[in-house]
Amino acid sequence: MKKLAIVFPGQGSQFVGMGKGLCAAYPVAKETFDEANDALGFDLASIAFTGPADALDRTEFTQPALLAASVAALRVLRGVASAAPAFYAGHSLGEYTALVAAGAIRFADAVRIVNLRGKYMQEAVPAGAGKMCAILGLYINDVAAVCDAASGDGAVVVSANINGPQQIVISGDARAVDMAAGLASERGAKRVIPLQVSAPSHSPLMEGAAARLASELAKIEIAAPKASVLSNVEAAPIVGAAQIKGILVRQLTSPVRWVETINRMKAEGVERVVEAGPGKVLTGLIKRIEPDIETFNIGEAGDVDKLAAAMGRAVA
């Protein structure tokens, strides 16, 4: 049997209607959104299923909606694939889903925490003061160099998401990001794409949000993971409960080391990765990072039959 990992998407994978088909087809998925609604005290499912888009794209709603949709997909997946994954991992926000999957954080606690995480991130920087931008066609050392050159006079820009060998997202003060983007183009970047985000994630501008998040994390119980979770802060397995809160706080100001995370999976013998949750962003990234890894998605009801067939099991 092929060694399996399950990964969970982060912000940017959301879309109006996500999770709706799974909930219609699988009671366990609907129960997941019902749990999220109860934990939050408002109708998260309605926002995820019917929008409007500008509401779903508000970070405080995006984050718990993605978490709920991904946990719903995971629970459906567990009815299809009996094999225990060798690893869980998540891209940024998706790490909370990975920790829920591994039994380290209760789902209701995670939903409430990421709702607050989104609020704190939004409130950390005035509207328009921060920015993120994707740089395609330059390696990490070149991107780091343009960020260093563009930072100064009280403004900072850093590498935020290492999504591929030549796909790096930068984040920070808007004017520094714009300068770095211009320098990247001059150095031969194939494309420079401003991202439609409401907060400059994974940058020093999130220090205030990180401090507020730490206070909330201190209030919840966290257990040792029952399965291996690869942290995107360290691109290494989380070794115990004591490490988790610190990692989740550092995550807001640290880069997402996704390339190293997938490289680690490959080195550990992972041959198959299932992306559980909305969209196929991580599947696309994995294909560029480690093309030999077999990838599947489960986010829509139609994905279940395909995955069950690949894993040699009938869907109940």
Protein backbone atom coordinates (compact mmCIF):
# COMPACT_ATOMS: atom_id res chain seq x y z
CA MET A 1 0.00 0.00 0.00
CA LYS A 2 1.31 3.42 -0.93
CA LYS A 3 2.48 5.66 1.89
CA LEU A 4 -0.13 8.40 2.28
CA ALA A 5 -0.15 12.03 3.41
CA ILE A 6 -3.18 14.29 3.73
CA VAL A 7 -2.83 18.04 3.26
CA PHE A 8 -5.22 20.92 3.87
CA PRO A 9 -5.52 24.23 1.99
CA GLY A 10 -5.17 27.73 3.39
CA GLN A 11 -6.63 31.11 2.63
CA GLY A 12 -7.09 31.76 -1.08
CA SER A 13 -8.76 28.41 -1.78
CA GLN A 14 -12.20 29.61 -0.67
CA PHE A 15 -15.14 30.03 -3.03
CA VAL A 16 -18.87 30.53 -2.56
CA GLY A 17 -20.51 27.11 -2.53
CA MET A 18 -17.58 25.23 -1.03
CA GLY A 19 -18.69 22.26 1.02
CA LYS A 20 -22.31 22.52 -0.11
CA GLY A 21 -22.22 19.45 -2.36
CA LEU A 22 -20.49 17.32 0.27
CA CYS A 23 -23.05 18.34 2.87
CA ALA A 24 -25.92 17.42 0.55
CA ALA A 25 -24.42 14.00 -0.15
CA TYR A 26 -22.86 13.04 3.19
CA PRO A 27 -24.47 13.55 6.61
CA VAL A 28 -21.06 13.65 8.30
CA ALA A 29 -20.15 16.73 6.27
CA LYS A 30 -23.37 18.52 7.22
CA GLU A 31 -22.80 17.62 10.86
CA THR A 32 -19.38 19.25 10.62
CA PHE A 33 -20.83 22.59 9.53
CA ASP A 34 -23.55 22.28 12.19
CA GLU A 35 -20.80 21.88 14.80
CA ALA A 36 -19.03 24.96 13.44
CA ASN A 37 -22.24 27.00 13.55
CA ASP A 38 -22.81 25.98 17.18
CA ALA A 39 -19.23 26.81 18.16
CA LEU A 40 -19.33 30.27 16.59
CA GLY A 41 -22.91 31.25 17.35
CA PHE A 42 -23.67 32.30 13.78
CA ASP A 43 -24.52 30.61 10.48
CA LEU A 44 -21.10 29.93 8.99
CA ALA A 45 -22.58 27.36 6.60
CA SER A 46 -24.76 29.99 4.96
CA ILE A 47 -21.74 32.22 4.33
CA ALA A 48 -19.77 29.32 2.84
CA PHE A 49 -22.63 27.97 0.73
CA THR A 50 -24.33 31.13 -0.54
CA GLY A 51 -22.00 34.03 0.22
CA PRO A 52 -22.00 36.76 -0.79
CA ALA A 53 -18.37 36.57 -1.90
CA ASP A 54 -17.36 39.76 -0.12
CA ALA A 55 -18.59 38.26 3.17
CA LEU A 56 -16.79 34.95 2.61
CA ASP A 57 -13.62 36.84 1.71
CA ARG A 58 -13.59 38.66 5.05
CA THR A 59 -10.72 36.98 6.86
CA GLU A 60 -12.69 36.37 10.06
CA PHE A 61 -15.18 34.29 8.04
CA THR A 62 -12.80 32.86 5.44
CA GLN A 63 -10.66 31.08 7.99
CA PRO A 64 -13.34 29.17 9.93
CA ALA A 65 -15.22 28.42 6.70
CA LEU A 66 -12.14 26.85 5.12
CA LEU A 67 -11.42 24.92 8.30
CA ALA A 68 -14.98 23.56 8.43
CA ALA A 69 -15.01 22.66 4.73
CA SER A 70 -11.68 20.88 5.05
CA VAL A 71 -12.67 18.94 8.17
CA ALA A 72 -15.91 17.96 6.42
CA ALA A 73 -13.88 16.64 3.48
CA LEU A 74 -11.56 14.80 5.86
CA ARG A 75 -14.45 13.08 7.60
CA VAL A 76 -15.88 11.98 4.27
CA LEU A 77 -12.43 10.79 3.23
CA ARG A 78 -12.14 8.65 6.34
CA GLY A 79 -15.17 6.75 5.15
CA VAL A 80 -13.40 6.01 1.87
CA ALA A 81 -9.76 5.36 2.79
CA SER A 82 -8.95 3.06 5.66
CA ALA A 83 -5.19 3.62 5.45
CA ALA A 84 -3.80 5.83 8.19
CA PRO A 85 -1.73 8.69 6.76
CA ALA A 86 1.95 8.84 7.53
CA PHE A 87 1.70 12.63 7.72
CA TYR A 88 -0.75 15.48 7.95
CA ALA A 89 0.21 18.99 6.85
CA GLY A 90 -1.53 22.24 6.09
CA HIS A 91 -0.66 25.39 4.19
CA SER A 92 -0.70 28.26 6.71
CA LEU A 93 -4.29 28.22 8.07
CA GLY A 94 -4.51 24.59 6.92
CA GLU A 95 -2.17 23.60 9.73
CA TYR A 96 -5.05 24.08 12.16
CA THR A 97 -7.00 21.50 10.15
CA ALA A 98 -4.00 19.16 10.27
CA LEU A 99 -3.88 19.50 14.06
CA VAL A 100 -7.61 18.78 14.31
CA ALA A 101 -7.11 15.74 12.08
CA ALA A 102 -4.31 14.50 14.33
CA GLY A 103 -6.38 14.93 17.48
CA ALA A 104 -4.25 17.75 18.91
CA ILE A 105 -6.98 20.43 18.91
CA ARG A 106 -10.72 19.97 19.29
CA PHE A 107 -12.65 21.05 16.20
CA ALA A 108 -14.87 23.52 18.08
CA ASP A 109 -11.82 25.17 19.68
CA ALA A 110 -10.06 25.39 16.33
CA VAL A 111 -13.08 27.03 14.67
CA ARG A 112 -13.30 29.67 17.37
CA ILE A 113 -9.53 30.30 17.36
CA VAL A 114 -9.27 30.80 13.59
CA ASN A 115 -12.26 33.13 13.64
CA LEU A 116 -10.33 35.29 16.13
CA ARG A 117 -7.09 34.75 14.17
CA GLY A 118 -8.77 36.26 11.13
CA LYS A 119 -10.06 39.24 13.11
CA TYR A 120 -6.68 39.89 14.68
CA MET A 121 -4.91 39.72 11.33
CA GLN A 122 -7.40 42.14 9.78
CA GLU A 123 -7.08 44.58 12.66
CA ALA A 124 -3.28 44.45 12.87
CA VAL A 125 -2.70 46.69 9.84
CA PRO A 126 -4.81 49.61 8.55
CA ALA A 127 -6.59 48.96 5.25
CA GLY A 128 -4.23 49.56 2.33
CA ALA A 129 -1.08 49.71 4.49
CA GLY A 130 -0.05 46.14 3.79
CA LYS A 131 0.18 44.08 0.63
CA MET A 132 1.11 40.66 -0.75
CA CYS A 133 2.42 39.80 -4.20
CA ALA A 134 3.35 36.57 -5.98
CA ILE A 135 6.70 36.42 -7.76
CA LEU A 136 6.98 33.79 -10.49
CA GLY A 137 10.22 32.82 -12.18
CA LEU A 138 12.80 33.75 -9.54
CA TYR A 139 14.45 31.48 -6.98
CA ILE A 140 14.19 32.15 -3.25
CA ASN A 141 17.67 33.70 -2.95
CA ASP A 142 16.83 36.23 -5.67
CA VAL A 143 13.50 37.06 -4.05
CA ALA A 144 15.19 37.47 -0.67
CA ALA A 145 17.68 39.85 -2.26
CA VAL A 146 14.98 42.10 -3.76
CA CYS A 147 13.12 42.10 -0.44
CA ASP A 148 16.28 43.19 1.37
CA ALA A 149 16.85 45.92 -1.20
CA ALA A 150 13.27 47.19 -0.93
CA SER A 151 13.12 47.23 2.88
CA GLY A 152 14.15 50.35 4.76
CA ASP A 153 12.96 53.72 6.08
CA GLY A 154 10.49 51.98 8.36
CA ALA A 155 9.01 49.74 5.67
CA VAL A 156 9.62 46.01 5.34
CA VAL A 157 8.89 43.25 2.83
CA VAL A 158 9.75 39.57 3.28
CA SER A 159 9.28 36.21 1.60
CA ALA A 160 6.01 34.90 3.02
CA ASN A 161 5.03 31.72 1.16
CA ILE A 162 7.64 29.47 -0.43
CA ASN A 163 5.11 27.71 -2.64
CA GLY A 164 7.44 26.38 -5.32
CA PRO A 165 11.08 26.58 -6.39
CA GLN A 166 10.20 29.66 -8.45
CA GLN A 167 6.85 30.65 -6.94
CA ILE A 168 7.33 32.90 -3.94
CA VAL A 169 4.80 35.21 -2.30
CA ILE A 170 6.14 38.36 -0.67
CA SER A 171 4.40 40.32 2.09
CA GLY A 172 4.79 43.52 4.06
CA ASP A 173 4.30 47.28 3.87
CA ALA A 174 2.57 48.22 0.64
CA ARG A 175 5.27 50.58 -0.62
CA ALA A 176 8.06 48.09 0.11
CA VAL A 177 6.12 45.30 -1.63
CA ASP A 178 5.62 47.52 -4.69
CA MET A 179 9.33 48.34 -4.78
CA ALA A 180 10.30 44.69 -4.42
CA ALA A 181 7.88 43.74 -7.19
CA GLY A 182 9.50 46.27 -9.50
CA LEU A 183 12.98 45.00 -8.66
CA ALA A 184 11.85 41.42 -9.25
CA SER A 185 10.64 42.34 -12.73
CA GLU A 186 13.98 43.99 -13.46
CA ARG A 187 15.76 40.80 -12.37
CA GLY A 188 13.79 38.68 -14.81
CA ALA A 189 10.69 37.50 -12.96
CA LYS A 190 8.24 35.97 -15.43
CA ARG A 191 5.21 37.37 -13.67
CA VAL A 192 4.52 39.64 -10.71
CA ILE A 193 0.95 39.27 -9.44
CA PRO A 194 -0.55 41.47 -6.70
CA LEU A 195 -2.80 39.34 -4.47
CA GLN A 196 -6.29 40.37 -3.40
CA VAL A 197 -5.81 39.85 0.32
CA SER A 198 -6.89 41.90 3.30
CA ALA A 199 -3.83 41.38 5.52
CA PRO A 200 -0.05 41.03 4.87
CA SER A 201 0.26 37.51 6.29
CA HIS A 202 3.53 35.89 7.39
CA SER A 203 5.32 39.20 7.82
CA PRO A 204 6.53 41.29 10.77
CA LEU A 205 3.37 43.40 10.39
CA MET A 206 1.49 40.53 12.05
CA GLU A 207 3.37 40.81 15.36
CA GLY A 208 0.41 42.49 17.08
CA ALA A 209 -1.96 39.82 15.82
CA ALA A 210 0.46 37.12 16.98
CA ALA A 211 0.51 38.52 20.52
CA ARG A 212 -3.30 38.58 20.68
CA LEU A 213 -3.47 35.06 19.25
CA ALA A 214 -1.06 33.80 21.90
CA SER A 215 -3.44 35.00 24.61
CA GLU A 216 -6.33 33.06 23.08
CA LEU A 217 -4.30 29.90 22.48
CA ALA A 218 -3.35 29.92 26.16
CA LYS A 219 -7.02 29.36 27.01
CA ILE A 220 -7.50 26.10 25.09
CA GLU A 221 -6.34 22.57 25.73
CA ILE A 222 -3.89 21.09 23.24
CA ALA A 223 -2.87 17.44 23.19
CA ALA A 224 0.04 15.63 21.60
CA PRO A 225 -0.77 14.75 17.97
CA LYS A 226 -1.85 11.11 17.49
CA ALA A 227 -0.28 11.18 14.01
CA SER A 228 2.70 13.03 12.57
CA VAL A 229 2.02 16.66 11.62
CA LEU A 230 4.59 18.51 9.55
CA SER A 231 4.78 22.12 10.68
CA ASN A 232 5.01 24.64 7.86
CA VAL A 233 7.01 26.93 10.15
CA GLU A 234 9.80 24.39 10.61
CA ALA A 235 9.10 21.92 7.76
CA ALA A 236 9.55 19.18 10.35
CA PRO A 237 7.31 16.98 12.51
CA ILE A 238 5.72 18.49 15.60
CA VAL A 239 7.08 16.44 18.47
CA GLY A 240 4.65 17.21 21.29
CA ALA A 241 1.81 19.32 22.66
CA ALA A 242 4.14 21.88 24.28
CA GLN A 243 5.50 22.88 20.88
CA ILE A 244 2.17 23.56 19.18
CA LYS A 245 1.06 26.89 20.65
CA GLY A 246 4.44 28.47 19.97
CA ILE A 247 4.42 27.24 16.39
CA LEU A 248 0.92 28.59 15.76
CA VAL A 249 1.96 32.00 17.11
CA ARG A 250 5.19 32.07 15.08
CA GLN A 251 3.24 31.05 11.99
CA LEU A 252 1.71 34.54 11.65
CA THR A 253 5.10 36.19 11.21
CA SER A 254 7.10 33.30 9.67
CA PRO A 255 7.21 32.11 6.06
CA VAL A 256 5.25 29.06 4.94
CA ARG A 257 7.98 26.58 3.99
CA TRP A 258 5.82 24.51 1.67
CA VAL A 259 8.55 23.35 -0.69
CA GLU A 260 10.57 21.94 2.21
CA THR A 261 7.44 20.36 3.69
CA ILE A 262 6.70 18.44 0.49
CA ASN A 263 10.37 17.57 0.04
CA ARG A 264 10.32 16.12 3.57
CA MET A 265 7.30 13.97 2.71
CA LYS A 266 9.06 12.64 -0.36
CA ALA A 267 12.22 11.89 1.61
CA GLU A 268 10.10 9.99 4.16
CA GLY A 269 8.71 7.76 1.42
CA VAL A 270 5.30 9.38 0.80
CA GLU A 271 3.97 8.28 -2.59
CA ARG A 272 0.38 9.55 -2.49
CA VAL A 273 -1.05 12.85 -1.21
CA VAL A 274 -4.73 13.68 -0.85
CA GLU A 275 -5.73 17.34 -0.64
CA ALA A 276 -8.82 17.48 1.58
CA GLY A 277 -10.76 20.71 1.25
CA PRO A 278 -11.82 23.29 -1.31
CA GLY A 279 -9.94 23.73 -4.56
CA LYS A 280 -6.80 22.18 -5.98
CA VAL A 281 -4.15 24.76 -5.11
CA LEU A 282 -1.95 22.42 -3.10
CA THR A 283 -2.27 19.64 -5.68
CA GLY A 284 -0.88 21.99 -8.31
CA LEU A 285 2.00 23.03 -6.07
CA ILE A 286 2.89 19.45 -5.17
CA LYS A 287 3.01 18.45 -8.84
CA ARG A 288 5.62 21.17 -9.42
CA ILE A 289 7.65 20.37 -6.31
CA GLU A 290 7.66 16.54 -6.42
CA PRO A 291 6.14 15.34 -9.73
CA ASP A 292 6.48 11.66 -8.77
CA ILE A 293 3.99 11.96 -5.91
CA GLU A 294 0.50 10.81 -6.87
CA THR A 295 -2.13 13.43 -5.97
CA PHE A 296 -5.87 13.40 -5.40
CA ASN A 297 -8.45 15.91 -4.21
CA ILE A 298 -11.56 15.56 -2.13
CA GLY A 299 -13.61 18.72 -1.95
CA GLU A 300 -16.71 17.96 -3.98
CA ALA A 301 -19.12 15.03 -3.85
CA GLY A 302 -17.94 13.84 -7.27
CA ASP A 303 -14.38 13.49 -6.02
CA VAL A 304 -15.30 10.69 -3.64
CA ASP A 305 -15.94 8.01 -6.28
CA LYS A 306 -12.67 8.81 -8.04
CA LEU A 307 -10.70 8.57 -4.83
CA ALA A 308 -12.43 5.39 -3.74
CA ALA A 309 -11.67 3.76 -7.07
CA ALA A 310 -8.01 4.76 -6.83
CA MET A 311 -7.78 3.32 -3.34
CA GLY A 312 -9.58 0.15 -4.32
CA ARG A 313 -12.63 0.58 -2.16
CA ALA A 314 -16.30 1.08 -2.86
CA VAL A 315 -18.03 4.09 -1.35
CA ALA A 316 -20.63 3.11 1.23
